[in-house]
N, C-alpha and C. Protein backbone atom coordinates (compact mmCIF):
# COMPACT_ATOMS: atom_id res chain seq x y z
N UNK A 1 23.34 31.50 61.93
CA UNK A 1 24.81 31.16 62.06
C UNK A 1 25.01 29.76 62.32
N UNK A 2 26.06 29.14 61.81
CA UNK A 2 26.34 27.75 62.10
C UNK A 2 26.82 27.59 63.53
N UNK A 3 26.69 26.34 64.06
CA UNK A 3 27.13 26.08 65.41
C UNK A 3 28.45 25.36 65.39
N UNK A 4 29.26 25.62 66.40
CA UNK A 4 30.53 24.94 66.58
C UNK A 4 30.34 23.68 67.44
N UNK A 5 31.41 22.88 67.54
CA UNK A 5 31.33 21.65 68.23
C UNK A 5 30.97 21.82 69.72
N UNK A 6 31.30 22.96 70.28
CA UNK A 6 30.97 23.18 71.70
C UNK A 6 29.63 23.89 71.82
N UNK A 7 28.86 23.91 70.74
CA UNK A 7 27.46 24.47 70.73
C UNK A 7 27.40 26.00 70.80
N UNK A 8 28.57 26.68 70.68
CA UNK A 8 28.50 28.15 70.60
C UNK A 8 28.30 28.44 69.13
N UNK A 9 27.52 29.55 68.81
CA UNK A 9 27.51 29.98 67.46
C UNK A 9 28.88 30.29 66.93
N UNK A 10 29.14 29.87 65.72
CA UNK A 10 30.49 30.13 65.20
C UNK A 10 30.81 31.57 65.02
N UNK A 11 29.82 32.34 64.59
CA UNK A 11 30.08 33.77 64.35
C UNK A 11 30.87 34.00 63.11
N UNK A 12 30.67 33.20 62.09
CA UNK A 12 31.30 33.40 60.80
C UNK A 12 31.06 34.87 60.29
N UNK A 13 32.04 35.40 59.68
CA UNK A 13 31.99 36.76 59.10
C UNK A 13 31.77 37.83 60.18
N UNK A 14 32.41 37.55 61.29
CA UNK A 14 32.57 38.64 62.34
C UNK A 14 34.09 38.82 62.53
N UNK A 15 34.55 40.01 62.42
CA UNK A 15 35.96 40.28 62.70
C UNK A 15 36.11 41.36 63.78
N UNK A 16 36.94 41.07 64.73
CA UNK A 16 37.15 41.87 65.90
C UNK A 16 38.58 42.49 65.81
N UNK A 17 38.65 43.83 65.92
CA UNK A 17 39.89 44.54 65.91
C UNK A 17 40.10 45.25 67.21
N UNK A 18 41.11 44.92 68.03
CA UNK A 18 41.39 45.61 69.24
C UNK A 18 42.84 46.09 69.24
N UNK A 19 43.10 46.99 70.14
CA UNK A 19 44.46 47.51 70.35
C UNK A 19 44.37 48.74 71.26
N UNK A 20 45.47 49.02 71.95
CA UNK A 20 45.45 50.15 72.85
C UNK A 20 45.25 51.49 72.16
N UNK A 21 44.84 52.50 72.86
CA UNK A 21 44.70 53.84 72.36
C UNK A 21 46.05 54.22 71.77
N UNK A 22 46.01 54.76 70.54
CA UNK A 22 47.24 55.12 69.86
C UNK A 22 47.75 54.13 68.93
N UNK A 23 47.12 52.98 68.81
CA UNK A 23 47.64 51.87 67.95
C UNK A 23 47.21 52.10 66.50
N UNK A 24 46.35 53.05 66.23
CA UNK A 24 45.90 53.36 64.88
C UNK A 24 44.68 52.61 64.39
N UNK A 25 43.86 52.14 65.34
CA UNK A 25 42.63 51.33 64.97
C UNK A 25 41.69 52.13 64.02
N UNK A 26 41.43 53.34 64.39
CA UNK A 26 40.42 54.10 63.62
C UNK A 26 40.82 54.29 62.18
N UNK A 27 42.10 54.63 61.98
CA UNK A 27 42.54 54.80 60.63
C UNK A 27 42.54 53.53 59.82
N UNK A 28 42.93 52.45 60.49
CA UNK A 28 42.98 51.15 59.77
C UNK A 28 41.55 50.67 59.46
N UNK A 29 40.64 50.91 60.38
CA UNK A 29 39.25 50.51 60.12
C UNK A 29 38.68 51.26 58.92
N UNK A 30 38.98 52.52 58.82
CA UNK A 30 38.49 53.36 57.65
C UNK A 30 39.07 52.83 56.33
N UNK A 31 40.35 52.45 56.38
CA UNK A 31 40.99 51.86 55.15
C UNK A 31 40.39 50.50 54.83
N UNK A 32 40.17 49.67 55.82
CA UNK A 32 39.60 48.37 55.61
C UNK A 32 38.22 48.44 54.97
N UNK A 33 37.37 49.29 55.48
CA UNK A 33 36.01 49.39 54.97
C UNK A 33 36.01 49.70 53.49
N UNK A 34 37.04 50.54 53.06
CA UNK A 34 37.18 50.90 51.66
C UNK A 34 37.89 49.87 50.83
N UNK A 35 38.86 49.15 51.38
CA UNK A 35 39.80 48.40 50.56
C UNK A 35 39.80 46.85 50.79
N UNK A 36 39.15 46.38 51.87
CA UNK A 36 39.26 44.97 52.19
C UNK A 36 38.69 44.11 51.06
N UNK A 37 39.21 42.91 50.92
CA UNK A 37 38.76 42.02 49.84
C UNK A 37 37.37 41.36 50.12
N UNK A 38 36.83 41.62 51.31
CA UNK A 38 35.46 41.16 51.63
C UNK A 38 34.66 42.40 52.10
N UNK A 39 33.34 42.41 51.83
CA UNK A 39 32.58 43.59 52.29
C UNK A 39 32.49 43.63 53.78
N UNK A 40 32.78 44.83 54.32
CA UNK A 40 32.78 45.06 55.74
C UNK A 40 31.78 46.11 56.07
N UNK A 41 31.10 45.90 57.15
CA UNK A 41 30.18 46.95 57.71
C UNK A 41 30.63 47.14 59.18
N UNK A 42 31.08 48.35 59.42
CA UNK A 42 31.55 48.66 60.84
C UNK A 42 30.35 48.72 61.79
N UNK A 43 30.49 47.93 62.83
CA UNK A 43 29.43 47.98 63.86
C UNK A 43 29.57 49.32 64.64
N UNK A 44 28.49 50.02 64.71
CA UNK A 44 28.50 51.34 65.43
C UNK A 44 28.27 51.04 66.90
N UNK A 45 29.26 51.48 67.72
CA UNK A 45 29.13 51.27 69.15
C UNK A 45 28.17 52.26 69.77
N UNK A 46 27.62 51.83 70.94
CA UNK A 46 26.76 52.75 71.69
C UNK A 46 27.58 53.24 72.88
N UNK A 47 27.34 54.44 73.31
CA UNK A 47 28.03 55.05 74.46
C UNK A 47 27.18 55.96 75.19
N UNK A 48 27.54 56.15 76.45
CA UNK A 48 26.82 57.17 77.32
C UNK A 48 27.61 58.51 77.35
N UNK A 49 28.75 58.58 76.77
CA UNK A 49 29.52 59.82 76.83
C UNK A 49 28.86 60.85 75.87
N UNK A 50 29.18 62.11 76.02
CA UNK A 50 28.71 63.18 75.20
C UNK A 50 29.40 63.18 73.84
N UNK A 51 28.68 63.56 72.83
CA UNK A 51 29.35 63.62 71.53
C UNK A 51 30.43 64.66 71.49
N UNK A 52 31.55 64.37 70.75
CA UNK A 52 32.56 65.33 70.56
C UNK A 52 32.27 66.10 69.26
N UNK A 53 32.98 67.17 69.13
CA UNK A 53 32.79 68.08 67.91
C UNK A 53 32.90 67.21 66.67
N UNK A 54 31.88 67.31 65.79
CA UNK A 54 31.91 66.65 64.47
C UNK A 54 31.39 65.21 64.51
N UNK A 55 31.05 64.66 65.69
CA UNK A 55 30.49 63.32 65.75
C UNK A 55 29.00 63.32 65.52
N UNK A 56 28.52 62.31 64.81
CA UNK A 56 27.19 62.18 64.44
C UNK A 56 26.53 60.94 65.05
N UNK A 57 25.31 61.10 65.68
CA UNK A 57 24.62 59.97 66.28
C UNK A 57 24.23 59.06 65.16
N UNK A 58 24.51 57.73 65.40
CA UNK A 58 24.12 56.73 64.44
C UNK A 58 25.20 56.46 63.38
N UNK A 59 26.20 57.32 63.32
CA UNK A 59 27.30 57.13 62.37
C UNK A 59 28.64 56.85 63.17
N UNK A 60 28.93 57.78 64.04
CA UNK A 60 30.14 57.57 64.86
C UNK A 60 29.83 56.69 66.10
N UNK A 61 28.76 57.01 66.74
CA UNK A 61 28.25 56.20 67.92
C UNK A 61 26.75 56.35 67.95
N UNK A 62 26.14 55.47 68.72
CA UNK A 62 24.77 55.71 69.17
C UNK A 62 24.86 56.35 70.57
N UNK A 63 24.52 57.54 70.65
CA UNK A 63 24.66 58.25 71.97
C UNK A 63 23.43 58.07 72.78
N UNK A 64 23.59 57.30 73.88
CA UNK A 64 22.43 56.96 74.71
C UNK A 64 22.59 57.55 76.09
N UNK A 65 21.50 57.86 76.74
CA UNK A 65 21.52 58.28 78.10
C UNK A 65 21.94 57.10 78.98
N UNK A 66 22.43 57.44 80.21
CA UNK A 66 22.73 56.31 81.13
C UNK A 66 21.54 55.47 81.37
N UNK A 67 20.31 56.03 81.48
CA UNK A 67 19.15 55.29 81.78
C UNK A 67 18.81 54.30 80.57
N UNK A 68 18.94 54.81 79.37
CA UNK A 68 18.64 54.00 78.19
C UNK A 68 19.58 52.89 78.04
N UNK A 69 20.88 53.20 78.24
CA UNK A 69 21.92 52.24 78.08
C UNK A 69 21.69 51.08 79.12
N UNK A 70 21.45 51.52 80.37
CA UNK A 70 21.20 50.52 81.40
C UNK A 70 20.01 49.61 81.11
N UNK A 71 18.99 50.20 80.60
CA UNK A 71 17.74 49.44 80.28
C UNK A 71 18.05 48.43 79.20
N UNK A 72 18.79 48.82 78.17
CA UNK A 72 19.07 47.91 77.05
C UNK A 72 20.05 46.77 77.46
N UNK A 73 20.87 47.09 78.43
CA UNK A 73 21.72 46.05 79.00
C UNK A 73 20.94 45.02 79.71
N UNK A 74 19.98 45.51 80.49
CA UNK A 74 19.10 44.59 81.29
C UNK A 74 18.26 43.72 80.34
N UNK A 75 17.90 44.22 79.17
CA UNK A 75 17.09 43.50 78.27
C UNK A 75 17.97 42.51 77.42
N UNK A 76 19.27 42.51 77.63
CA UNK A 76 20.13 41.61 76.86
C UNK A 76 20.37 42.04 75.47
N UNK A 77 20.30 43.33 75.16
CA UNK A 77 20.51 43.75 73.76
C UNK A 77 21.94 44.01 73.38
N UNK A 78 22.86 43.94 74.36
CA UNK A 78 24.27 44.16 74.02
C UNK A 78 24.98 42.81 73.89
N UNK A 79 25.83 42.72 72.90
CA UNK A 79 26.78 41.59 72.75
C UNK A 79 27.88 41.72 73.83
N UNK A 80 28.33 42.96 74.00
CA UNK A 80 29.32 43.26 75.03
C UNK A 80 29.15 44.70 75.46
N UNK A 81 29.44 44.98 76.70
CA UNK A 81 29.44 46.37 77.19
C UNK A 81 30.36 46.51 78.44
N UNK A 82 30.83 47.70 78.63
CA UNK A 82 31.69 47.93 79.76
C UNK A 82 31.91 49.40 79.97
N UNK A 83 32.29 49.73 81.23
CA UNK A 83 32.73 51.09 81.49
C UNK A 83 34.24 51.11 81.11
N UNK A 84 34.60 52.19 80.36
CA UNK A 84 35.95 52.24 79.82
C UNK A 84 36.81 53.28 80.43
N UNK A 85 38.11 52.99 80.67
CA UNK A 85 39.10 53.88 81.24
C UNK A 85 38.68 54.56 82.52
N UNK A 86 37.84 53.89 83.25
CA UNK A 86 37.43 54.45 84.57
C UNK A 86 36.79 55.84 84.44
N UNK A 87 36.22 56.13 83.30
CA UNK A 87 35.74 57.50 82.99
C UNK A 87 34.28 57.65 83.46
N UNK A 88 33.61 56.56 83.81
CA UNK A 88 32.16 56.68 84.12
C UNK A 88 31.29 56.51 82.91
N UNK A 89 31.90 56.54 81.68
CA UNK A 89 31.19 56.39 80.47
C UNK A 89 31.13 54.88 80.08
N UNK A 90 29.96 54.45 79.60
CA UNK A 90 29.80 53.10 79.09
C UNK A 90 29.83 52.99 77.65
N UNK A 91 30.35 51.90 77.20
CA UNK A 91 30.44 51.59 75.67
C UNK A 91 29.91 50.22 75.53
N UNK A 92 29.37 49.90 74.32
CA UNK A 92 28.88 48.54 74.06
C UNK A 92 28.54 48.39 72.60
N UNK A 93 28.46 47.08 72.23
CA UNK A 93 28.07 46.68 70.87
C UNK A 93 26.70 46.03 70.92
N UNK A 94 25.73 46.64 70.25
CA UNK A 94 24.40 46.07 70.19
C UNK A 94 24.38 44.84 69.27
N UNK A 95 23.64 43.84 69.68
CA UNK A 95 23.55 42.65 68.85
C UNK A 95 22.95 42.94 67.51
N UNK A 96 22.11 43.93 67.48
CA UNK A 96 21.49 44.33 66.18
C UNK A 96 22.44 44.81 65.17
N UNK A 97 23.68 45.24 65.59
CA UNK A 97 24.64 45.66 64.67
C UNK A 97 25.25 44.51 63.85
N UNK A 98 25.37 43.33 64.49
CA UNK A 98 25.82 42.09 63.80
C UNK A 98 24.79 41.73 62.70
N UNK A 99 23.55 41.78 63.14
CA UNK A 99 22.41 41.46 62.27
C UNK A 99 22.34 42.41 61.08
N UNK A 100 22.57 43.69 61.37
CA UNK A 100 22.53 44.75 60.32
C UNK A 100 23.60 44.46 59.24
N UNK A 101 24.82 44.10 59.72
CA UNK A 101 25.93 43.82 58.82
C UNK A 101 25.64 42.62 57.89
N UNK A 102 25.16 41.57 58.52
CA UNK A 102 24.88 40.34 57.80
C UNK A 102 23.68 40.46 56.82
N UNK A 103 22.74 41.30 57.25
CA UNK A 103 21.62 41.61 56.30
C UNK A 103 22.05 42.33 55.08
N UNK A 104 23.18 43.07 55.15
CA UNK A 104 23.78 43.76 54.05
C UNK A 104 24.68 42.85 53.21
N UNK A 105 24.78 41.60 53.63
CA UNK A 105 25.76 40.69 52.98
C UNK A 105 27.18 40.99 53.24
N UNK A 106 27.42 41.64 54.44
CA UNK A 106 28.79 42.06 54.78
C UNK A 106 29.26 41.35 56.08
N UNK A 107 30.55 41.36 56.22
CA UNK A 107 31.14 40.96 57.50
C UNK A 107 30.88 42.11 58.53
N UNK A 108 30.64 41.74 59.81
CA UNK A 108 30.51 42.73 60.84
C UNK A 108 31.94 43.00 61.41
N UNK A 109 32.31 44.24 61.34
CA UNK A 109 33.63 44.69 61.78
C UNK A 109 33.50 45.38 63.19
N UNK A 110 33.99 44.77 64.22
CA UNK A 110 33.90 45.32 65.52
C UNK A 110 35.22 45.94 65.97
N UNK A 111 35.25 47.22 66.17
CA UNK A 111 36.46 47.87 66.77
C UNK A 111 36.18 48.10 68.20
N UNK A 112 36.65 47.15 69.04
CA UNK A 112 36.30 47.15 70.49
C UNK A 112 37.55 46.90 71.31
N UNK A 113 37.40 47.22 72.61
CA UNK A 113 38.53 47.00 73.49
C UNK A 113 38.67 45.54 73.89
N UNK A 114 39.70 45.22 74.62
CA UNK A 114 40.00 43.86 74.95
C UNK A 114 38.93 43.22 75.78
N UNK A 115 38.38 43.89 76.74
CA UNK A 115 37.28 43.38 77.57
C UNK A 115 36.13 42.94 76.72
N UNK A 116 35.77 43.75 75.78
CA UNK A 116 34.63 43.43 74.87
C UNK A 116 34.98 42.30 74.00
N UNK A 117 36.22 42.29 73.44
CA UNK A 117 36.70 41.20 72.55
C UNK A 117 36.64 39.85 73.25
N UNK A 118 37.03 39.81 74.52
CA UNK A 118 36.99 38.55 75.28
C UNK A 118 35.60 38.05 75.39
N UNK A 119 34.64 38.95 75.55
CA UNK A 119 33.26 38.55 75.56
C UNK A 119 32.79 37.97 74.21
N UNK A 120 33.17 38.63 73.13
CA UNK A 120 32.82 38.13 71.84
C UNK A 120 33.46 36.72 71.56
N UNK A 121 34.69 36.57 72.03
CA UNK A 121 35.33 35.23 71.89
C UNK A 121 34.54 34.16 72.61
N UNK A 122 33.97 34.48 73.76
CA UNK A 122 33.17 33.55 74.52
C UNK A 122 31.88 33.18 73.79
N UNK A 123 31.28 34.23 73.13
CA UNK A 123 30.05 34.06 72.42
C UNK A 123 30.15 33.40 71.09
N UNK A 124 31.18 33.73 70.33
CA UNK A 124 31.32 33.28 68.92
C UNK A 124 32.63 32.66 68.66
N UNK A 125 32.68 31.39 68.56
CA UNK A 125 34.00 30.65 68.43
C UNK A 125 34.69 30.99 67.13
N UNK A 126 33.94 31.29 66.09
CA UNK A 126 34.56 31.49 64.79
C UNK A 126 34.91 32.92 64.37
N UNK A 127 34.64 33.88 65.31
CA UNK A 127 34.98 35.26 65.01
C UNK A 127 36.52 35.36 64.81
N UNK A 128 36.91 36.15 63.80
CA UNK A 128 38.28 36.40 63.49
C UNK A 128 38.78 37.58 64.46
N UNK A 129 39.75 37.31 65.32
CA UNK A 129 40.15 38.27 66.29
C UNK A 129 41.58 38.79 65.96
N UNK A 130 41.73 40.08 65.90
CA UNK A 130 43.01 40.68 65.54
C UNK A 130 43.46 41.72 66.53
N UNK A 131 44.65 41.57 67.07
CA UNK A 131 45.16 42.59 68.03
C UNK A 131 46.12 43.47 67.27
N UNK A 132 45.86 44.73 67.31
CA UNK A 132 46.71 45.75 66.63
C UNK A 132 47.67 46.39 67.61
N UNK A 133 48.95 46.42 67.30
CA UNK A 133 49.90 47.04 68.20
C UNK A 133 50.94 47.87 67.52
N UNK A 134 51.62 48.71 68.21
CA UNK A 134 52.83 49.37 67.70
C UNK A 134 54.03 48.64 68.20
N UNK A 135 55.24 48.93 67.69
CA UNK A 135 56.40 48.19 68.13
C UNK A 135 56.77 48.37 69.58
N UNK A 136 56.36 49.48 70.21
CA UNK A 136 56.73 49.71 71.60
C UNK A 136 55.70 50.55 72.32
N UNK A 137 55.71 50.48 73.64
CA UNK A 137 54.75 51.31 74.40
C UNK A 137 55.06 52.79 74.27
N UNK A 138 56.35 53.09 74.05
CA UNK A 138 56.72 54.51 73.83
C UNK A 138 56.00 55.13 72.68
N UNK A 139 55.72 54.35 71.64
CA UNK A 139 55.00 54.87 70.48
C UNK A 139 53.54 55.11 70.75
N UNK A 140 52.96 54.36 71.70
CA UNK A 140 51.60 54.60 72.08
C UNK A 140 51.54 55.97 72.75
N UNK A 141 52.53 56.19 73.67
CA UNK A 141 52.46 57.44 74.46
C UNK A 141 52.70 58.61 73.47
N UNK A 142 53.61 58.46 72.48
CA UNK A 142 53.90 59.52 71.52
C UNK A 142 52.62 59.85 70.73
N UNK A 143 51.95 58.86 70.29
CA UNK A 143 50.73 59.07 69.52
C UNK A 143 49.61 59.71 70.32
N UNK A 144 49.50 59.32 71.57
CA UNK A 144 48.43 59.89 72.43
C UNK A 144 48.75 61.32 72.71
N UNK A 145 49.97 61.71 72.92
CA UNK A 145 50.37 63.07 73.24
C UNK A 145 50.18 63.96 71.99
N UNK A 146 50.46 63.41 70.80
CA UNK A 146 50.35 64.15 69.55
C UNK A 146 48.85 64.50 69.24
N UNK A 147 47.94 63.77 69.81
CA UNK A 147 46.49 64.06 69.54
C UNK A 147 46.12 65.40 70.18
N UNK A 148 46.67 65.66 71.38
CA UNK A 148 46.38 66.92 72.01
C UNK A 148 44.95 66.95 72.62
N UNK A 149 44.34 65.78 72.84
CA UNK A 149 42.95 65.75 73.31
C UNK A 149 42.81 65.22 74.70
N UNK A 150 43.96 64.77 75.34
CA UNK A 150 43.92 64.11 76.62
C UNK A 150 44.64 65.00 77.65
N UNK A 151 44.14 64.92 78.89
CA UNK A 151 44.86 65.50 80.00
C UNK A 151 46.02 64.61 80.35
N UNK A 152 46.97 65.08 81.19
CA UNK A 152 48.10 64.24 81.62
C UNK A 152 47.53 62.98 82.34
N UNK A 153 46.56 63.20 83.20
CA UNK A 153 45.92 62.10 83.97
C UNK A 153 45.31 61.09 82.97
N UNK A 154 44.69 61.64 81.97
CA UNK A 154 43.98 60.78 80.97
C UNK A 154 45.02 59.95 80.20
N UNK A 155 46.14 60.55 79.84
CA UNK A 155 47.25 59.82 79.10
C UNK A 155 47.76 58.72 79.99
N UNK A 156 48.02 58.99 81.22
CA UNK A 156 48.55 57.99 82.14
C UNK A 156 47.56 56.86 82.30
N UNK A 157 46.28 57.21 82.41
CA UNK A 157 45.30 56.20 82.55
C UNK A 157 45.24 55.26 81.32
N UNK A 158 45.33 55.88 80.12
CA UNK A 158 45.26 55.07 78.94
C UNK A 158 46.51 54.21 78.76
N UNK A 159 47.68 54.74 79.19
CA UNK A 159 48.90 53.94 79.12
C UNK A 159 48.84 52.74 80.05
N UNK A 160 48.26 52.95 81.21
CA UNK A 160 48.15 51.83 82.16
C UNK A 160 47.17 50.78 81.53
N UNK A 161 46.08 51.23 80.87
CA UNK A 161 45.16 50.33 80.26
C UNK A 161 45.89 49.56 79.08
N UNK A 162 46.72 50.31 78.33
CA UNK A 162 47.44 49.66 77.24
C UNK A 162 48.35 48.54 77.79
N UNK A 163 49.02 48.75 78.89
CA UNK A 163 49.92 47.76 79.46
C UNK A 163 49.06 46.49 79.85
N UNK A 164 47.90 46.65 80.41
CA UNK A 164 47.06 45.54 80.73
C UNK A 164 46.52 44.84 79.47
N UNK A 165 46.21 45.64 78.43
CA UNK A 165 45.62 45.05 77.27
C UNK A 165 46.69 44.16 76.54
N UNK A 166 47.87 44.66 76.56
CA UNK A 166 48.95 43.89 75.86
C UNK A 166 49.15 42.48 76.49
N UNK A 167 48.76 42.34 77.75
CA UNK A 167 48.83 40.99 78.37
C UNK A 167 47.92 40.02 77.78
N UNK A 168 46.90 40.49 77.07
CA UNK A 168 45.86 39.67 76.43
C UNK A 168 46.12 39.41 74.94
N UNK A 169 47.09 40.03 74.43
CA UNK A 169 47.30 39.95 72.92
C UNK A 169 47.38 38.48 72.44
N UNK A 170 47.95 37.60 73.21
CA UNK A 170 48.06 36.21 72.84
C UNK A 170 46.74 35.51 72.79
N UNK A 171 45.68 36.07 73.27
CA UNK A 171 44.36 35.44 73.23
C UNK A 171 43.71 35.58 71.88
N UNK A 172 44.28 36.52 71.06
CA UNK A 172 43.66 36.78 69.73
C UNK A 172 44.32 35.79 68.72
N UNK A 173 43.54 35.56 67.65
CA UNK A 173 44.05 34.73 66.56
C UNK A 173 45.31 35.30 65.87
N UNK A 174 45.39 36.67 65.72
CA UNK A 174 46.34 37.27 65.04
C UNK A 174 46.81 38.55 65.73
N UNK A 175 48.13 38.86 65.64
CA UNK A 175 48.65 40.16 66.10
C UNK A 175 49.30 40.81 64.90
N UNK A 176 48.97 42.08 64.66
CA UNK A 176 49.46 42.85 63.55
C UNK A 176 50.17 44.09 64.12
N UNK A 177 51.35 44.31 63.73
CA UNK A 177 52.18 45.44 64.17
C UNK A 177 51.94 46.62 63.23
N UNK A 178 51.42 47.72 63.72
CA UNK A 178 51.14 48.85 62.87
C UNK A 178 52.33 49.79 62.86
N UNK A 179 53.42 49.36 62.22
CA UNK A 179 54.57 50.25 62.07
C UNK A 179 54.57 50.86 60.65
N UNK A 180 53.78 50.32 59.77
CA UNK A 180 53.62 50.85 58.42
C UNK A 180 52.13 50.64 58.04
N UNK A 181 51.41 51.67 57.86
CA UNK A 181 49.97 51.61 57.69
C UNK A 181 49.60 50.75 56.50
N UNK A 182 50.23 50.95 55.35
CA UNK A 182 49.84 50.17 54.13
C UNK A 182 50.12 48.73 54.36
N UNK A 183 51.26 48.38 54.97
CA UNK A 183 51.52 46.98 55.18
C UNK A 183 50.54 46.35 56.19
N UNK A 184 50.17 47.08 57.24
CA UNK A 184 49.20 46.58 58.23
C UNK A 184 47.86 46.31 57.59
N UNK A 185 47.43 47.24 56.72
CA UNK A 185 46.13 47.02 56.01
C UNK A 185 46.22 45.81 55.11
N UNK A 186 47.32 45.65 54.43
CA UNK A 186 47.46 44.48 53.54
C UNK A 186 47.50 43.16 54.35
N UNK A 187 48.15 43.21 55.48
CA UNK A 187 48.20 41.97 56.26
C UNK A 187 46.81 41.60 56.79
N UNK A 188 46.06 42.55 57.23
CA UNK A 188 44.69 42.24 57.70
C UNK A 188 43.81 41.74 56.51
N UNK A 189 43.95 42.42 55.36
CA UNK A 189 43.27 42.04 54.19
C UNK A 189 43.53 40.59 53.79
N UNK A 190 44.84 40.20 53.92
CA UNK A 190 45.18 38.83 53.63
C UNK A 190 44.53 37.84 54.55
N UNK A 191 44.46 38.26 55.82
CA UNK A 191 43.84 37.39 56.86
C UNK A 191 42.34 37.15 56.45
N UNK A 192 41.68 38.25 56.07
CA UNK A 192 40.26 38.09 55.73
C UNK A 192 40.07 37.32 54.45
N UNK A 193 40.98 37.46 53.45
CA UNK A 193 40.88 36.69 52.27
C UNK A 193 41.03 35.17 52.56
N UNK A 194 41.97 34.83 53.41
CA UNK A 194 42.19 33.44 53.74
C UNK A 194 40.93 32.89 54.47
N UNK A 195 40.41 33.65 55.41
CA UNK A 195 39.26 33.22 56.14
C UNK A 195 38.01 33.03 55.23
N UNK A 196 37.87 33.92 54.30
CA UNK A 196 36.70 33.84 53.38
C UNK A 196 36.91 32.53 52.50
N UNK A 197 38.12 32.29 52.06
CA UNK A 197 38.35 31.09 51.27
C UNK A 197 38.03 29.86 52.08
N UNK A 198 38.36 29.84 53.34
CA UNK A 198 38.13 28.66 54.18
C UNK A 198 36.59 28.45 54.33
N UNK A 199 35.85 29.52 54.40
CA UNK A 199 34.38 29.47 54.54
C UNK A 199 33.76 28.78 53.33
N UNK A 200 34.36 29.07 52.12
CA UNK A 200 33.84 28.56 50.89
C UNK A 200 34.41 27.18 50.53
N UNK A 201 35.39 26.74 51.29
CA UNK A 201 36.07 25.42 50.98
C UNK A 201 35.13 24.28 51.16
């Protein structure tokens, strides 16, 4: 990777997508992998939580024991990692996922929370960072409740996290409002097209 003026790796062809629970990240990531104007390889996150019904190790997540996760953190194998939503479960992005994407000739697409994104910003000055949001906090709550997968306490915890995450939205290069899925996908695709053109300029 090329180096920036402040001696950080630029992180060209890394794109970070963050947004509170209920902002539609997972749906948009699926669309982008299929439709984006540049090749994208989604970085598979590692987690210590148990798999949910239908989830596959190595595809949805790398499901690690607490001991293995802790060991890999100590060895510096994670680009970013954190305990999420006060749940006791750890999540993180392995550095090898960036290498895997680039070895495939693709951009590395990281769907990670704000805490992780801030760490990537510190590490890679040239990573494209996008904050995905809905028009209002009420829509986050509506989407979370419609899932039917969270307890009331879980919903309240995620909403409180959403409020905190929104305070960091201005730290991202771009903010995209997901009030229309097709338009949001087009907007992000345009961002990636512009960035790719700049890399070839």
